[in-house]
C-alpha atoms as a PDB file:
ATOM      1  CA  MET A   1      -6.946  -5.785   3.129  1.00  0.00           C
ATOM      2  CA  THR A   2      -5.123  -5.991   6.430  1.00  0.00           C
ATOM      3  CA  VAL A   3      -4.767  -3.096   8.853  1.00  0.00           C
ATOM      4  CA  LYS A   4      -1.190  -2.715   7.756  1.00  0.00           C
ATOM      5  CA  SER A   5      -2.182  -2.369   4.113  1.00  0.00           C
ATOM      6  CA  LEU A   6      -4.292   0.599   5.162  1.00  0.00           C
ATOM      7  CA  PHE A   7      -1.383   2.419   6.770  1.00  0.00           C
ATOM      8  CA  LEU A   8      -2.463   5.796   5.449  1.00  0.00           C
ATOM      9  CA  GLY A   9      -5.913   5.521   6.974  1.00  0.00           C
ATOM     10  CA  PHE A  10      -4.442   4.507  10.318  1.00  0.00           C
ATOM     11  CA  LEU A  11      -2.031   7.437  10.263  1.00  0.00           C
ATOM     12  CA  ILE A  12      -4.822   9.907   9.575  1.00  0.00           C
ATOM     13  CA  LEU A  13      -6.971   8.417  12.338  1.00  0.00           C
ATOM     14  CA  ALA A  14      -4.042   8.498  14.756  1.00  0.00           C
ATOM     15  CA  CYS A  15      -3.319  12.120  14.033  1.00  0.00           C
ATOM     16  CA  GLN A  16      -6.943  12.997  14.679  1.00  0.00           C
ATOM     17  CA  LYS A  17      -6.570  11.533  18.169  1.00  0.00           C
ATOM     18  CA  ASN A  18      -3.491  13.437  19.267  1.00  0.00           C
ATOM     19  CA  THR A  19      -1.389  15.710  17.097  1.00  0.00           C
ATOM     20  CA  SER A  20       0.398  17.674  19.791  1.00  0.00           C
ATOM     21  CA  ASN A  21       3.727  15.919  19.337  1.00  0.00           C
ATOM     22  CA  ILE A  22       3.253  14.338  15.904  1.00  0.00           C
ATOM     23  CA  PRO A  23       4.103  16.135  12.656  1.00  0.00           C
ATOM     24  CA  PRO A  24       1.296  16.334  10.073  1.00  0.00           C
ATOM     25  CA  VAL A  25       1.095  13.396   7.705  1.00  0.00           C
ATOM     26  CA  LEU A  26       1.969  14.102   4.089  1.00  0.00           C
ATOM     27  CA  PRO A  27      -0.213  12.529   1.381  1.00  0.00           C
ATOM     28  CA  VAL A  28       0.951   8.997   0.649  1.00  0.00           C
ATOM     29  CA  ASP A  29      -0.777   6.055  -1.048  1.00  0.00           C
ATOM     30  CA  PRO A  30      -1.694   2.920   0.895  1.00  0.00           C
ATOM     31  CA  VAL A  31       1.069   0.427   0.136  1.00  0.00           C
ATOM     32  CA  PRO A  32       0.381  -3.216   1.055  1.00  0.00           C
ATOM     33  CA  SER A  33       3.993  -4.063   0.253  1.00  0.00           C
ATOM     34  CA  GLY A  34       5.544  -1.503   2.601  1.00  0.00           C
ATOM     35  CA  LYS A  35       8.683  -2.363   4.553  1.00  0.00           C
ATOM     36  CA  THR A  36       7.968  -4.298   7.743  1.00  0.00           C
ATOM     37  CA  TRP A  37       9.408  -3.380  11.158  1.00  0.00           C
ATOM     38  CA  LEU A  38       9.816  -5.329  14.390  1.00  0.00           C
ATOM     39  CA  ALA A  39      10.721  -3.256  17.472  1.00  0.00           C
ATOM     40  CA  LEU A  40      12.450  -5.193  20.264  1.00  0.00           C
ATOM     41  CA  GLY A  41      12.950  -3.807  23.753  1.00  0.00           C
ATOM     42  CA  ASP A  42      11.415  -2.764  27.040  1.00  0.00           C
ATOM     43  CA  SER A  43       9.450   0.236  28.335  1.00  0.00           C
ATOM     44  CA  TYR A  44      11.331   2.662  26.098  1.00  0.00           C
ATOM     45  CA  THR A  45      10.240   0.751  23.005  1.00  0.00           C
ATOM     46  CA  ILE A  46       6.631   0.049  24.011  1.00  0.00           C
ATOM     47  CA  GLY A  47       6.324   3.670  25.150  1.00  0.00           C
ATOM     48  CA  GLN A  48       5.387   3.403  28.824  1.00  0.00           C
ATOM     49  CA  GLY A  49       3.397   6.508  29.731  1.00  0.00           C
ATOM     50  CA  VAL A  50       2.624   7.645  26.177  1.00  0.00           C
ATOM     51  CA  THR A  51       0.111   6.724  23.481  1.00  0.00           C
ATOM     52  CA  GLU A  52       0.890   4.262  20.705  1.00  0.00           C
ATOM     53  CA  ILE A  53       1.323   7.023  18.130  1.00  0.00           C
ATOM     54  CA  GLU A  54       3.916   8.709  20.361  1.00  0.00           C
ATOM     55  CA  ARG A  55       6.203   5.667  20.575  1.00  0.00           C
ATOM     56  CA  PHE A  56       9.500   6.200  18.798  1.00  0.00           C
ATOM     57  CA  PRO A  57       9.002   3.358  16.273  1.00  0.00           C
ATOM     58  CA  TYR A  58       5.587   4.706  15.274  1.00  0.00           C
ATOM     59  CA  GLN A  59       6.851   8.276  14.976  1.00  0.00           C
ATOM     60  CA  THR A  60       9.792   7.049  12.913  1.00  0.00           C
ATOM     61  CA  ALA A  61       7.408   5.178  10.610  1.00  0.00           C
ATOM     62  CA  LEU A  62       5.487   8.434  10.176  1.00  0.00           C
ATOM     63  CA  TRP A  63       8.722  10.244   9.310  1.00  0.00           C
ATOM     64  CA  LEU A  64       9.616   7.593   6.733  1.00  0.00           C
ATOM     65  CA  ALA A  65       6.143   7.764   5.176  1.00  0.00           C
ATOM     66  CA  GLN A  66       6.463  11.520   4.875  1.00  0.00           C
ATOM     67  CA  ASN A  67       9.836  11.117   3.205  1.00  0.00           C
ATOM     68  CA  GLY A  68       8.733   8.724   0.510  1.00  0.00           C
ATOM     69  CA  LYS A  69       9.395   5.335   2.080  1.00  0.00           C
ATOM     70  CA  ALA A  70       6.383   3.144   2.805  1.00  0.00           C
ATOM     71  CA  VAL A  71       6.738   1.335   6.132  1.00  0.00           C
ATOM     72  CA  THR A  72       3.984  -0.677   7.764  1.00  0.00           C
ATOM     73  CA  ILE A  73       2.865  -0.009  11.324  1.00  0.00           C
ATOM     74  CA  PRO A  74       5.635  -1.473  13.537  1.00  0.00           C
ATOM     75  CA  ASP A  75       5.137  -4.721  15.406  1.00  0.00           C
ATOM     76  CA  TYR A  76       6.508  -5.022  18.943  1.00  0.00           C
ATOM     77  CA  ILE A  77       8.103  -7.564  21.211  1.00  0.00           C
ATOM     78  CA  ALA A  78       8.623  -5.277  24.182  1.00  0.00           C
ATOM     79  CA  THR A  79       7.257  -4.906  27.710  1.00  0.00           C
ATOM     80  CA  THR A  80       8.027  -2.618  30.613  1.00  0.00           C
ATOM     81  CA  GLY A  81      10.511  -4.178  33.030  1.00  0.00           C
ATOM     82  CA  TRP A  82      12.085  -6.654  30.640  1.00  0.00           C
ATOM     83  CA  THR A  83      15.775  -7.427  30.960  1.00  0.00           C
ATOM     84  CA  THR A  84      17.854  -8.572  28.002  1.00  0.00           C
ATOM     85  CA  GLY A  85      17.413 -12.188  29.065  1.00  0.00           C
ATOM     86  CA  VAL A  86      13.630 -11.907  29.328  1.00  0.00           C
ATOM     87  CA  LEU A  87      13.433 -10.216  25.920  1.00  0.00           C
ATOM     88  CA  THR A  88      15.523 -13.007  24.414  1.00  0.00           C
ATOM     89  CA  ASN A  89      13.279 -15.677  25.922  1.00  0.00           C
ATOM     90  CA  ASN A  90      10.211 -13.972  24.463  1.00  0.00           C
ATOM     91  CA  VAL A  91      11.780 -13.657  21.029  1.00  0.00           C
ATOM     92  CA  ILE A  92      12.650 -17.359  21.088  1.00  0.00           C
ATOM     93  CA  SER A  93       9.188 -18.417  22.285  1.00  0.00           C
ATOM     94  CA  ARG A  94       7.307 -16.210  19.824  1.00  0.00           C
ATOM     95  CA  ASN A  95       9.618 -17.101  16.940  1.00  0.00           C
ATOM     96  CA  PRO A  96       8.705 -14.052  14.829  1.00  0.00           C
ATOM     97  CA  SER A  97       8.798 -14.126  11.056  1.00  0.00           C
ATOM     98  CA  GLN A  98      11.419 -12.138   9.191  1.00  0.00           C
ATOM     99  CA  TYR A  99      11.191  -8.359   8.908  1.00  0.00           C
ATOM    100  CA  ASP A 100      12.776  -5.688   6.726  1.00  0.00           C
ATOM    101  CA  ILE A 101      13.705  -3.530   9.732  1.00  0.00           C
ATOM    102  CA  VAL A 102      14.531  -4.552  13.301  1.00  0.00           C
ATOM    103  CA  SER A 103      15.222  -2.066  16.099  1.00  0.00           C
ATOM    104  CA  LEU A 104      16.698  -3.014  19.465  1.00  0.00           C
ATOM    105  CA  LEU A 105      16.837  -0.991  22.676  1.00  0.00           C
ATOM    106  CA  ILE A 106      17.465  -3.068  25.797  1.00  0.00           C
ATOM    107  CA  GLY A 107      19.522  -2.981  28.963  1.00  0.00           C
ATOM    108  CA  VAL A 108      18.191  -0.452  31.454  1.00  0.00           C
ATOM    109  CA  ASN A 109      16.594  -3.174  33.575  1.00  0.00           C
ATOM    110  CA  ASP A 110      19.825  -5.187  33.529  1.00  0.00           C
ATOM    111  CA  GLN A 111      21.501  -2.117  35.009  1.00  0.00           C
ATOM    112  CA  TYR A 112      18.674  -1.409  37.447  1.00  0.00           C
ATOM    113  CA  GLN A 113      18.187  -4.969  38.670  1.00  0.00           C
ATOM    114  CA  THR A 114      21.574  -6.645  38.486  1.00  0.00           C
ATOM    115  CA  HIS A 115      24.362  -4.200  37.562  1.00  0.00           C
ATOM    116  CA  ASP A 116      25.987  -7.184  35.804  1.00  0.00           C
ATOM    117  CA  THR A 117      27.989  -5.818  32.883  1.00  0.00           C
ATOM    118  CA  THR A 118      29.625  -9.162  32.075  1.00  0.00           C
ATOM    119  CA  GLY A 119      26.301 -10.937  31.810  1.00  0.00           C
ATOM    120  CA  TYR A 120      24.897  -8.047  29.780  1.00  0.00           C
ATOM    121  CA  ARG A 121      27.622  -8.329  27.150  1.00  0.00           C
ATOM    122  CA  GLN A 122      26.860 -12.002  26.597  1.00  0.00           C
ATOM    123  CA  LYS A 123      23.093 -11.580  26.586  1.00  0.00           C
ATOM    124  CA  PHE A 124      23.165  -8.501  24.380  1.00  0.00           C
ATOM    125  CA  SER A 125      25.391 -10.280  21.853  1.00  0.00           C
ATOM    126  CA  PHE A 126      22.902 -13.145  21.732  1.00  0.00           C
ATOM    127  CA  ILE A 127      19.816 -10.976  21.235  1.00  0.00           C
ATOM    128  CA  LEU A 128      21.616  -8.939  18.581  1.00  0.00           C
ATOM    129  CA  GLU A 129      22.348 -12.146  16.690  1.00  0.00           C
ATOM    130  CA  LYS A 130      18.636 -12.948  16.906  1.00  0.00           C
ATOM    131  CA  ALA A 131      17.788  -9.475  15.604  1.00  0.00           C
ATOM    132  CA  ILE A 132      20.090  -9.953  12.623  1.00  0.00           C
ATOM    133  CA  ALA A 133      18.470 -13.295  11.826  1.00  0.00           C
ATOM    134  CA  ILE A 134      15.000 -11.723  12.003  1.00  0.00           C
ATOM    135  CA  ALA A 135      16.215  -8.995   9.635  1.00  0.00           C
ATOM    136  CA  LYS A 136      16.879 -11.677   7.005  1.00  0.00           C
ATOM    137  CA  GLY A 137      20.549 -11.683   7.939  1.00  0.00           C
ATOM    138  CA  ASP A 138      20.968  -8.094   6.730  1.00  0.00           C
ATOM    139  CA  LYS A 139      23.003  -6.254   9.370  1.00  0.00           C
ATOM    140  CA  ASP A 140      22.355  -2.944   7.617  1.00  0.00           C
ATOM    141  CA  HIS A 141      18.690  -3.269   8.562  1.00  0.00           C
ATOM    142  CA  VAL A 142      19.291  -3.710  12.309  1.00  0.00           C
ATOM    143  CA  PHE A 143      19.220  -0.510  14.367  1.00  0.00           C
ATOM    144  CA  VAL A 144      20.411  -0.431  17.978  1.00  0.00           C
ATOM    145  CA  LEU A 145      19.579   2.511  20.225  1.00  0.00           C
ATOM    146  CA  SER A 146      21.547   3.359  23.360  1.00  0.00           C
ATOM    147  CA  ILE A 147      19.997   3.189  26.828  1.00  0.00           C
ATOM    148  CA  PRO A 148      18.434   6.450  28.068  1.00  0.00           C
ATOM    149  CA  ASP A 149      19.841   7.994  31.236  1.00  0.00           C
ATOM    150  CA  TYR A 150      17.108   7.993  33.871  1.00  0.00           C
ATOM    151  CA  SER A 151      19.432   9.524  36.481  1.00  0.00           C
ATOM    152  CA  VAL A 152      18.111  12.962  35.461  1.00  0.00           C
ATOM    153  CA  THR A 153      14.478  12.053  36.202  1.00  0.00           C
ATOM    154  CA  PRO A 154      12.449  12.754  39.375  1.00  0.00           C
ATOM    155  CA  PHE A 155      12.228   8.964  39.814  1.00  0.00           C
ATOM    156  CA  ALA A 156      15.952   8.843  40.542  1.00  0.00           C
ATOM    157  CA  ALA A 157      16.154  12.024  42.599  1.00  0.00           C
ATOM    158  CA  PHE A 158      16.707  10.258  45.942  1.00  0.00           C
ATOM    159  CA  ASN A 159      19.217   7.755  44.569  1.00  0.00           C
ATOM    160  CA  ASP A 160      22.909   8.004  43.759  1.00  0.00           C
ATOM    161  CA  THR A 161      22.448   9.712  40.403  1.00  0.00           C
ATOM    162  CA  ALA A 162      26.172   9.905  39.698  1.00  0.00           C
ATOM    163  CA  LYS A 163      26.408   6.142  40.114  1.00  0.00           C
ATOM    164  CA  ILE A 164      23.406   5.559  37.856  1.00  0.00           C
ATOM    165  CA  ARG A 165      24.878   7.774  35.152  1.00  0.00           C
ATOM    166  CA  LYS A 166      28.222   5.984  35.355  1.00  0.00           C
ATOM    167  CA  GLU A 167      26.574   2.570  35.096  1.00  0.00           C
ATOM    168  CA  ILE A 168      24.390   3.639  32.176  1.00  0.00           C
ATOM    169  CA  ASP A 169      27.552   4.768  30.391  1.00  0.00           C
ATOM    170  CA  LEU A 170      29.197   1.403  31.104  1.00  0.00           C
ATOM    171  CA  PHE A 171      26.239  -0.522  29.711  1.00  0.00           C
ATOM    172  CA  ASN A 172      26.119   1.734  26.654  1.00  0.00           C
ATOM    173  CA  ASN A 173      29.820   1.223  26.051  1.00  0.00           C
ATOM    174  CA  ILE A 174      29.077  -2.494  25.919  1.00  0.00           C
ATOM    175  CA  ASN A 175      26.099  -2.327  23.562  1.00  0.00           C
ATOM    176  CA  ARG A 176      28.000   0.085  21.299  1.00  0.00           C
ATOM    177  CA  GLU A 177      31.057  -2.170  21.163  1.00  0.00           C
ATOM    178  CA  VAL A 178      28.960  -5.256  20.433  1.00  0.00           C
ATOM    179  CA  THR A 179      26.925  -3.422  17.790  1.00  0.00           C
ATOM    180  CA  ASN A 180      30.088  -2.227  16.066  1.00  0.00           C
ATOM    181  CA  LEU A 181      31.537  -5.728  16.242  1.00  0.00           C
ATOM    182  CA  TYR A 182      28.490  -7.099  14.425  1.00  0.00           C
ATOM    183  CA  LYS A 183      28.529  -4.132  12.000  1.00  0.00           C
ATOM    184  CA  CYS A 184      24.956  -3.044  12.712  1.00  0.00           C
ATOM    185  CA  ASN A 185      23.666   0.536  12.957  1.00  0.00           C
ATOM    186  CA  TYR A 186      23.948   2.379  16.275  1.00  0.00           C
ATOM    187  CA  LEU A 187      22.123   5.517  17.403  1.00  0.00           C
ATOM    188  CA  ASP A 188      23.196   7.252  20.617  1.00  0.00           C
ATOM    189  CA  ILE A 189      20.141   8.932  22.140  1.00  0.00           C
ATOM    190  CA  THR A 190      21.498   9.032  25.706  1.00  0.00           C
ATOM    191  CA  GLU A 191      22.711  12.628  25.646  1.00  0.00           C
ATOM    192  CA  SER A 192      19.345  13.716  24.301  1.00  0.00           C
ATOM    193  CA  THR A 193      17.577  12.110  27.264  1.00  0.00           C
ATOM    194  CA  ARG A 194      19.821  13.987  29.682  1.00  0.00           C
ATOM    195  CA  GLU A 195      18.207  17.233  28.559  1.00  0.00           C
ATOM    196  CA  ALA A 196      15.217  16.197  30.689  1.00  0.00           C
ATOM    197  CA  LYS A 197      17.185  17.393  33.711  1.00  0.00           C
ATOM    198  CA  THR A 198      16.246  20.953  32.800  1.00  0.00           C
ATOM    199  CA  ASN A 199      13.262  20.336  30.518  1.00  0.00           C
ATOM    200  CA  ARG A 200      10.513  18.275  32.147  1.00  0.00           C
ATOM    201  CA  ASN A 201       8.458  18.423  28.942  1.00  0.00           C
ATOM    202  CA  LEU A 202      10.746  15.659  27.703  1.00  0.00           C
ATOM    203  CA  LEU A 203       9.332  13.301  30.364  1.00  0.00           C
ATOM    204  CA  ALA A 204       6.026  11.469  30.512  1.00  0.00           C
ATOM    205  CA  ALA A 205       3.653  12.099  33.405  1.00  0.00           C
ATOM    206  CA  ASP A 206       5.236   9.256  35.410  1.00  0.00           C
ATOM    207  CA  GLY A 207       8.416  11.303  35.852  1.00  0.00           C
ATOM    208  CA  LEU A 208      10.592   8.479  34.547  1.00  0.00           C
ATOM    209  CA  HIS A 209       9.962   7.624  30.909  1.00  0.00           C
ATOM    210  CA  PRO A 210      10.374   9.884  27.859  1.00  0.00           C
ATOM    211  CA  SER A 211       7.449  11.886  26.546  1.00  0.00           C
ATOM    212  CA  GLY A 212       6.253  11.895  22.963  1.00  0.00           C
ATOM    213  CA  ILE A 213       8.304  15.059  22.467  1.00  0.00           C
ATOM    214  CA  GLU A 214      11.512  13.220  23.370  1.00  0.00           C
ATOM    215  CA  TYR A 215      10.561  10.231  21.233  1.00  0.00           C
ATOM    216  CA  LYS A 216      10.000  12.577  18.302  1.00  0.00           C
ATOM    217  CA  LYS A 217      13.612  13.722  18.662  1.00  0.00           C
ATOM    218  CA  TRP A 218      14.732  10.105  18.355  1.00  0.00           C
ATOM    219  CA  ALA A 219      12.482   9.551  15.345  1.00  0.00           C
ATOM    220  CA  GLU A 220      13.911  12.546  13.531  1.00  0.00           C
ATOM    221  CA  ARG A 221      17.382  11.050  13.867  1.00  0.00           C
ATOM    222  CA  LEU A 222      16.482   7.396  13.374  1.00  0.00           C
ATOM    223  CA  GLY A 223      14.368   8.074  10.291  1.00  0.00           C
ATOM    224  CA  PRO A 224      17.229   9.329   8.102  1.00  0.00           C
ATOM    225  CA  LEU A 225      19.437   6.488   9.340  1.00  0.00           C
ATOM    226  CA  ILE A 226      16.868   3.898   8.271  1.00  0.00           C
ATOM    227  CA  LEU A 227      16.069   5.705   5.027  1.00  0.00           C
ATOM    228  CA  GLY A 228      19.717   5.603   4.036  1.00  0.00           C
ATOM    229  CA  THR A 229      19.768   1.795   4.192  1.00  0.00           C
ATOM    230  CA  LEU A 230      16.446   0.937   2.539  1.00  0.00           C
ATOM    231  CA  LYS A 231      16.221   0.289  -1.196  1.00  0.00           C
END
């Protein structure tokens, strides 16, 4: 069997490593035919500063397993620092097979590096089309997450935080509009990330990226959204 067919064993092993932010795993049978998931994005998807089991896709897969839906361990095309254009280039070059679930969270580096909202709209539309194709053309199985607001983090403390917040909102308005246009699922997690302004436990040790606790909050909202679309 493959590693993915032994999902239960992997979950138990993972929870033995670090259970501080992960809910206990309910008994489930190993299911080789579980739903497959490809997570597309940047540092927020690959979980910069946290362990693999604390990433939001992994925690969401745990939630789904606990709620009766077998999902294999997520695959990733995501790296810290990637812009929408770089993500797109990697998706094209890797040419992934089709998946049952595709998540997409991208854009913070477009804001940070270029501040180009016009270019972002075009590039985000293109990568979303790619995500839909990877999801077997099923728009109901594509899940877009909004860009977190890093203006509340210590990393941004000596910058124009009001400007950052405004630009993050502009970029999120774009990805929300495009997602709605393509009739895919959209989850706004931005307001949740702003709670880190007064709760540093929601940040990883680097003072910039979310902690496993914050990612768990996303998972507990994304899980029901995904569950409602899977058959």
